[in-house]
Amino acid sequence: MLNTSKAFSSFSVDDLHKAREFYSHKLGLKVSESPEGLELHLGGEAEIFIYPKPNHKPATFTVLNFVVDDIDAAVDELNQTGVRFEKSEGEIKTDDKGIHRNGGPTIAWFKDPAGNILSVLEDDKG
């Protein structure tokens, strides 16, 4: 039954207007609005639903990953739109650009205006 069902992911934000601005202008995604929230239209016909929640608490995990061919180029381009990447030390150390390059995928994390964690990660199959 579910193996042929269309599926989508969703997460909450505290301000739909800020979310729309961020996802459409800073990330350059196609965003449509409905009375219930926002729909992000991604490659491969994937869709993500973003809904308002007055008592929103940001997820403590990555809610959305964007696979890119060149992570350095993606980070540079997103920096130019005002996206700021998280920097960390310790086990999951990032470089000056905010990219984690050893031990798992080459990945860089950033947050949306509601504090949800997103990432760009390099496609190592290409």
N, C-alpha and C. Protein backbone atom coordinates (compact mmCIF):
# COMPACT_ATOMS: atom_id res chain seq x y z
N MET A 1 0.82 -1.19 0.00
CA MET A 1 0.00 0.00 0.00
C MET A 1 0.87 1.27 0.00
N LEU A 2 1.76 1.43 0.97
CA LEU A 2 2.55 2.64 1.05
C LEU A 2 3.68 2.68 0.02
N ASN A 3 4.08 1.53 -0.49
CA ASN A 3 5.19 1.52 -1.44
C ASN A 3 4.85 2.20 -2.76
N THR A 4 3.60 2.47 -3.02
CA THR A 4 3.20 3.20 -4.23
C THR A 4 2.61 4.57 -3.89
N SER A 5 2.60 4.91 -2.63
CA SER A 5 2.03 6.18 -2.18
C SER A 5 3.04 7.31 -2.36
N LYS A 6 2.55 8.48 -2.74
CA LYS A 6 3.41 9.67 -2.78
C LYS A 6 3.69 10.08 -1.34
N ALA A 7 4.92 10.47 -1.05
CA ALA A 7 5.31 10.86 0.30
C ALA A 7 6.04 12.20 0.25
N PHE A 8 6.03 12.91 1.35
CA PHE A 8 6.77 14.15 1.46
C PHE A 8 7.17 14.35 2.91
N SER A 9 8.15 15.17 3.13
CA SER A 9 8.61 15.49 4.46
C SER A 9 8.09 16.86 4.86
N SER A 10 8.08 17.15 6.15
CA SER A 10 7.64 18.45 6.61
C SER A 10 8.36 18.82 7.90
N PHE A 11 8.42 20.11 8.18
CA PHE A 11 8.93 20.59 9.45
C PHE A 11 8.33 21.97 9.72
N SER A 12 8.44 22.42 10.96
CA SER A 12 7.80 23.67 11.37
C SER A 12 8.78 24.83 11.40
N VAL A 13 8.19 26.03 11.36
CA VAL A 13 8.92 27.28 11.55
C VAL A 13 8.06 28.19 12.42
N ASP A 14 8.66 29.24 12.94
CA ASP A 14 7.89 30.16 13.77
C ASP A 14 7.40 31.38 12.99
N ASP A 15 7.90 31.59 11.77
CA ASP A 15 7.50 32.76 10.98
C ASP A 15 7.53 32.39 9.50
N LEU A 16 6.34 32.22 8.90
CA LEU A 16 6.26 31.82 7.49
C LEU A 16 6.84 32.87 6.54
N HIS A 17 6.66 34.15 6.86
CA HIS A 17 7.19 35.20 5.99
C HIS A 17 8.72 35.12 5.92
N LYS A 18 9.37 35.00 7.08
CA LYS A 18 10.83 34.89 7.10
C LYS A 18 11.28 33.62 6.39
N ALA A 19 10.54 32.54 6.58
CA ALA A 19 10.89 31.26 5.93
C ALA A 19 10.78 31.41 4.41
N ARG A 20 9.72 32.03 3.94
CA ARG A 20 9.55 32.21 2.49
C ARG A 20 10.69 33.03 1.91
N GLU A 21 11.04 34.12 2.56
CA GLU A 21 12.15 34.95 2.10
C GLU A 21 13.45 34.16 2.05
N PHE A 22 13.73 33.41 3.10
CA PHE A 22 14.97 32.64 3.19
C PHE A 22 15.04 31.57 2.10
N TYR A 23 14.01 30.75 2.01
CA TYR A 23 14.04 29.62 1.08
C TYR A 23 13.97 30.07 -0.38
N SER A 24 13.23 31.14 -0.66
CA SER A 24 13.14 31.59 -2.05
C SER A 24 14.30 32.50 -2.44
N HIS A 25 14.65 33.48 -1.61
CA HIS A 25 15.66 34.46 -2.00
C HIS A 25 17.08 34.02 -1.67
N LYS A 26 17.30 33.53 -0.47
CA LYS A 26 18.68 33.14 -0.10
C LYS A 26 19.08 31.80 -0.71
N LEU A 27 18.15 30.84 -0.71
CA LEU A 27 18.50 29.52 -1.24
C LEU A 27 18.11 29.37 -2.71
N GLY A 28 17.26 30.25 -3.22
CA GLY A 28 16.88 30.21 -4.63
C GLY A 28 15.94 29.08 -5.00
N LEU A 29 15.15 28.61 -4.04
CA LEU A 29 14.23 27.50 -4.30
C LEU A 29 12.88 28.02 -4.78
N LYS A 30 12.17 27.19 -5.52
CA LYS A 30 10.81 27.51 -5.91
C LYS A 30 9.92 27.23 -4.69
N VAL A 31 9.19 28.24 -4.27
CA VAL A 31 8.34 28.15 -3.09
C VAL A 31 6.93 28.56 -3.46
N SER A 32 5.95 27.76 -3.08
CA SER A 32 4.56 28.15 -3.26
C SER A 32 3.89 28.19 -1.89
N GLU A 33 2.86 29.00 -1.80
CA GLU A 33 2.20 29.20 -0.52
C GLU A 33 0.77 28.69 -0.59
N SER A 34 0.34 28.09 0.51
CA SER A 34 -1.04 27.66 0.65
C SER A 34 -1.53 28.20 1.99
N PRO A 35 -2.82 28.11 2.26
CA PRO A 35 -3.32 28.59 3.56
C PRO A 35 -2.66 27.85 4.75
N GLU A 36 -2.21 26.63 4.50
CA GLU A 36 -1.63 25.83 5.58
C GLU A 36 -0.14 26.06 5.79
N GLY A 37 0.56 26.59 4.78
CA GLY A 37 2.00 26.77 4.91
C GLY A 37 2.69 26.96 3.58
N LEU A 38 3.95 26.54 3.49
CA LEU A 38 4.76 26.69 2.29
C LEU A 38 5.13 25.33 1.73
N GLU A 39 5.25 25.27 0.42
CA GLU A 39 5.76 24.06 -0.23
C GLU A 39 7.06 24.42 -0.93
N LEU A 40 8.11 23.66 -0.63
CA LEU A 40 9.38 23.81 -1.34
C LEU A 40 9.37 22.78 -2.45
N HIS A 41 9.66 23.23 -3.66
CA HIS A 41 9.70 22.34 -4.81
C HIS A 41 11.17 22.12 -5.15
N LEU A 42 11.64 20.91 -4.94
CA LEU A 42 13.05 20.58 -5.11
C LEU A 42 13.26 19.73 -6.35
N GLY A 43 14.51 19.48 -6.70
CA GLY A 43 14.83 18.63 -7.84
C GLY A 43 14.26 17.24 -7.67
N GLY A 44 14.03 16.57 -8.79
CA GLY A 44 13.51 15.21 -8.75
C GLY A 44 12.07 15.14 -8.27
N GLU A 45 11.34 16.21 -8.40
CA GLU A 45 9.94 16.28 -8.01
C GLU A 45 9.71 16.13 -6.51
N ALA A 46 10.77 16.26 -5.72
CA ALA A 46 10.62 16.19 -4.27
C ALA A 46 9.96 17.47 -3.76
N GLU A 47 9.15 17.32 -2.74
CA GLU A 47 8.50 18.46 -2.12
C GLU A 47 8.63 18.37 -0.61
N ILE A 48 8.81 19.52 0.00
CA ILE A 48 8.88 19.63 1.46
C ILE A 48 7.79 20.61 1.87
N PHE A 49 7.05 20.28 2.92
CA PHE A 49 6.02 21.17 3.43
C PHE A 49 6.53 21.83 4.70
N ILE A 50 6.41 23.16 4.77
CA ILE A 50 6.80 23.93 5.95
C ILE A 50 5.55 24.56 6.52
N TYR A 51 5.31 24.32 7.79
CA TYR A 51 4.08 24.80 8.41
C TYR A 51 4.40 25.68 9.62
N PRO A 52 3.53 26.65 9.90
CA PRO A 52 3.77 27.51 11.06
C PRO A 52 3.38 26.81 12.35
N LYS A 53 4.16 27.08 13.37
CA LYS A 53 3.86 26.52 14.68
C LYS A 53 4.23 27.57 15.73
N PRO A 54 3.26 28.10 16.43
CA PRO A 54 3.54 29.19 17.38
C PRO A 54 4.58 28.83 18.45
N ASN A 55 4.57 27.59 18.92
CA ASN A 55 5.53 27.18 19.94
C ASN A 55 6.67 26.36 19.32
N HIS A 56 7.04 26.72 18.09
CA HIS A 56 8.11 26.03 17.35
C HIS A 56 9.38 25.94 18.17
N LYS A 57 9.98 24.78 18.13
CA LYS A 57 11.32 24.57 18.69
C LYS A 57 12.15 23.96 17.56
N PRO A 58 13.30 24.56 17.24
CA PRO A 58 14.11 24.03 16.14
C PRO A 58 14.53 22.58 16.40
N ALA A 59 14.60 21.82 15.33
CA ALA A 59 15.07 20.44 15.44
C ALA A 59 16.53 20.44 15.86
N THR A 60 16.94 19.42 16.58
CA THR A 60 18.34 19.29 17.00
C THR A 60 19.14 18.43 16.03
N PHE A 61 18.54 18.15 14.89
CA PHE A 61 19.17 17.32 13.86
C PHE A 61 18.95 17.99 12.51
N THR A 62 19.64 17.52 11.49
CA THR A 62 19.51 18.10 10.16
C THR A 62 18.17 17.69 9.55
N VAL A 63 17.36 18.68 9.18
CA VAL A 63 16.03 18.39 8.62
C VAL A 63 16.04 18.32 7.11
N LEU A 64 17.06 18.89 6.45
CA LEU A 64 17.08 18.93 5.00
C LEU A 64 18.52 18.99 4.52
N ASN A 65 18.88 18.07 3.62
CA ASN A 65 20.23 18.00 3.05
C ASN A 65 20.14 18.27 1.55
N PHE A 66 21.01 19.13 1.06
CA PHE A 66 21.10 19.42 -0.36
C PHE A 66 22.40 18.82 -0.89
N VAL A 67 22.30 17.88 -1.82
CA VAL A 67 23.48 17.24 -2.40
C VAL A 67 23.98 18.12 -3.53
N VAL A 68 25.28 18.44 -3.48
CA VAL A 68 25.90 19.31 -4.48
C VAL A 68 27.13 18.63 -5.07
N ASP A 69 27.51 19.04 -6.27
CA ASP A 69 28.70 18.49 -6.92
C ASP A 69 29.98 19.08 -6.36
N ASP A 70 29.95 20.36 -5.99
CA ASP A 70 31.14 21.07 -5.52
C ASP A 70 30.76 21.85 -4.27
N ILE A 71 31.13 21.33 -3.11
CA ILE A 71 30.71 21.95 -1.86
C ILE A 71 31.34 23.32 -1.66
N ASP A 72 32.59 23.50 -2.09
CA ASP A 72 33.23 24.81 -1.93
C ASP A 72 32.47 25.87 -2.73
N ALA A 73 32.10 25.55 -3.95
CA ALA A 73 31.34 26.49 -4.77
C ALA A 73 29.98 26.77 -4.16
N ALA A 74 29.31 25.75 -3.64
CA ALA A 74 27.99 25.92 -3.03
C ALA A 74 28.08 26.81 -1.78
N VAL A 75 29.07 26.56 -0.94
CA VAL A 75 29.24 27.37 0.28
C VAL A 75 29.54 28.82 -0.11
N ASP A 76 30.43 29.02 -1.08
CA ASP A 76 30.75 30.39 -1.52
C ASP A 76 29.51 31.10 -2.05
N GLU A 77 28.74 30.42 -2.88
CA GLU A 77 27.53 31.03 -3.46
C GLU A 77 26.51 31.36 -2.38
N LEU A 78 26.29 30.45 -1.44
CA LEU A 78 25.33 30.70 -0.37
C LEU A 78 25.81 31.80 0.57
N ASN A 79 27.12 31.87 0.81
CA ASN A 79 27.66 32.97 1.62
C ASN A 79 27.34 34.31 0.99
N GLN A 80 27.38 34.38 -0.33
CA GLN A 80 27.09 35.63 -1.04
C GLN A 80 25.64 36.07 -0.87
N THR A 81 24.74 35.13 -0.59
CA THR A 81 23.34 35.49 -0.36
C THR A 81 23.05 35.78 1.11
N GLY A 82 24.07 35.64 1.96
CA GLY A 82 23.90 35.93 3.38
C GLY A 82 23.76 34.72 4.27
N VAL A 83 23.85 33.52 3.71
CA VAL A 83 23.78 32.30 4.53
C VAL A 83 25.10 32.18 5.29
N ARG A 84 25.01 31.88 6.57
CA ARG A 84 26.20 31.70 7.41
C ARG A 84 26.28 30.25 7.86
N PHE A 85 27.43 29.67 7.69
CA PHE A 85 27.64 28.27 8.02
C PHE A 85 28.13 28.11 9.44
N GLU A 86 27.70 27.02 10.05
CA GLU A 86 28.08 26.70 11.42
C GLU A 86 29.55 26.27 11.45
N LYS A 87 30.24 26.67 12.48
CA LYS A 87 31.64 26.25 12.65
C LYS A 87 31.73 25.51 13.97
N SER A 88 32.50 24.42 13.97
CA SER A 88 32.63 23.66 15.20
C SER A 88 34.02 23.07 15.33
N GLU A 89 34.38 22.77 16.55
CA GLU A 89 35.65 22.12 16.89
C GLU A 89 35.33 20.73 17.40
N GLY A 90 36.35 19.99 17.74
CA GLY A 90 36.13 18.67 18.32
C GLY A 90 35.98 17.59 17.27
N GLU A 91 35.14 16.62 17.59
CA GLU A 91 34.98 15.43 16.75
C GLU A 91 34.48 15.77 15.34
N ILE A 92 33.58 16.73 15.24
CA ILE A 92 33.04 17.12 13.94
C ILE A 92 33.57 18.52 13.59
N LYS A 93 34.87 18.63 13.50
CA LYS A 93 35.55 19.89 13.24
C LYS A 93 35.28 20.36 11.82
N THR A 94 35.05 21.66 11.70
CA THR A 94 34.88 22.27 10.38
C THR A 94 36.06 23.21 10.12
N ASP A 95 36.30 23.48 8.85
CA ASP A 95 37.37 24.40 8.49
C ASP A 95 36.84 25.84 8.57
N ASP A 96 37.64 26.79 8.11
CA ASP A 96 37.25 28.21 8.19
C ASP A 96 35.99 28.53 7.41
N LYS A 97 35.68 27.73 6.38
CA LYS A 97 34.47 27.96 5.59
C LYS A 97 33.24 27.31 6.23
N GLY A 98 33.45 26.47 7.25
CA GLY A 98 32.34 25.76 7.88
C GLY A 98 32.11 24.39 7.28
N ILE A 99 33.12 23.84 6.59
CA ILE A 99 32.98 22.54 5.93
C ILE A 99 33.70 21.47 6.74
N HIS A 100 33.00 20.39 7.01
CA HIS A 100 33.57 19.21 7.66
C HIS A 100 34.07 18.29 6.54
N ARG A 101 35.38 18.01 6.54
CA ARG A 101 35.98 17.33 5.40
C ARG A 101 36.54 15.93 5.68
N ASN A 102 36.49 15.45 6.89
CA ASN A 102 37.04 14.12 7.13
C ASN A 102 36.16 13.33 8.09
N GLY A 103 36.01 12.05 7.79
CA GLY A 103 35.17 11.21 8.63
C GLY A 103 33.71 11.33 8.26
N GLY A 104 33.34 10.74 7.15
CA GLY A 104 31.96 10.83 6.67
C GLY A 104 31.89 11.73 5.46
N PRO A 105 30.68 12.16 5.11
CA PRO A 105 30.55 12.99 3.91
C PRO A 105 31.17 14.37 4.13
N THR A 106 31.59 14.99 3.04
CA THR A 106 32.04 16.38 3.09
C THR A 106 30.76 17.21 3.16
N ILE A 107 30.59 17.92 4.29
CA ILE A 107 29.29 18.53 4.59
C ILE A 107 29.47 19.86 5.30
N ALA A 108 28.52 20.77 5.09
CA ALA A 108 28.50 22.06 5.78
C ALA A 108 27.07 22.33 6.24
N TRP A 109 26.94 22.71 7.50
CA TRP A 109 25.62 22.95 8.08
C TRP A 109 25.32 24.43 8.21
N PHE A 110 24.06 24.78 8.06
CA PHE A 110 23.59 26.15 8.27
C PHE A 110 22.17 26.08 8.80
N LYS A 111 21.65 27.21 9.26
CA LYS A 111 20.31 27.24 9.86
C LYS A 111 19.39 28.17 9.08
N ASP A 112 18.10 27.82 9.09
CA ASP A 112 17.11 28.73 8.54
C ASP A 112 16.74 29.74 9.63
N PRO A 113 15.91 30.75 9.31
CA PRO A 113 15.58 31.77 10.32
C PRO A 113 14.90 31.22 11.58
N ALA A 114 14.29 30.04 11.48
CA ALA A 114 13.63 29.43 12.64
C ALA A 114 14.59 28.57 13.45
N GLY A 115 15.86 28.45 13.01
CA GLY A 115 16.84 27.67 13.74
C GLY A 115 16.93 26.21 13.31
N ASN A 116 16.15 25.81 12.30
CA ASN A 116 16.24 24.44 11.79
C ASN A 116 17.58 24.24 11.09
N ILE A 117 18.16 23.07 11.25
CA ILE A 117 19.48 22.77 10.69
C ILE A 117 19.33 22.17 9.29
N LEU A 118 20.05 22.77 8.34
CA LEU A 118 20.09 22.31 6.95
C LEU A 118 21.55 22.05 6.60
N SER A 119 21.79 21.37 5.48
CA SER A 119 23.17 21.17 5.06
C SER A 119 23.30 21.14 3.56
N VAL A 120 24.52 21.38 3.11
CA VAL A 120 24.93 21.03 1.75
C VAL A 120 25.99 19.97 1.94
N LEU A 121 25.92 18.92 1.12
CA LEU A 121 26.94 17.90 1.20
C LEU A 121 27.35 17.49 -0.19
N GLU A 122 28.63 17.20 -0.31
CA GLU A 122 29.18 16.92 -1.62
C GLU A 122 28.88 15.49 -2.06
N ASP A 123 28.47 15.37 -3.31
CA ASP A 123 28.20 14.06 -3.91
C ASP A 123 29.54 13.42 -4.22
N ASP A 124 29.91 12.42 -3.44
CA ASP A 124 31.22 11.77 -3.65
C ASP A 124 31.17 10.69 -4.71
N LYS A 125 30.01 10.50 -5.34
CA LYS A 125 29.89 9.50 -6.40
C LYS A 125 30.23 10.08 -7.77
N GLY A 126 30.28 11.41 -7.86
CA GLY A 126 30.50 12.06 -9.13
C GLY A 126 31.91 12.26 -9.39
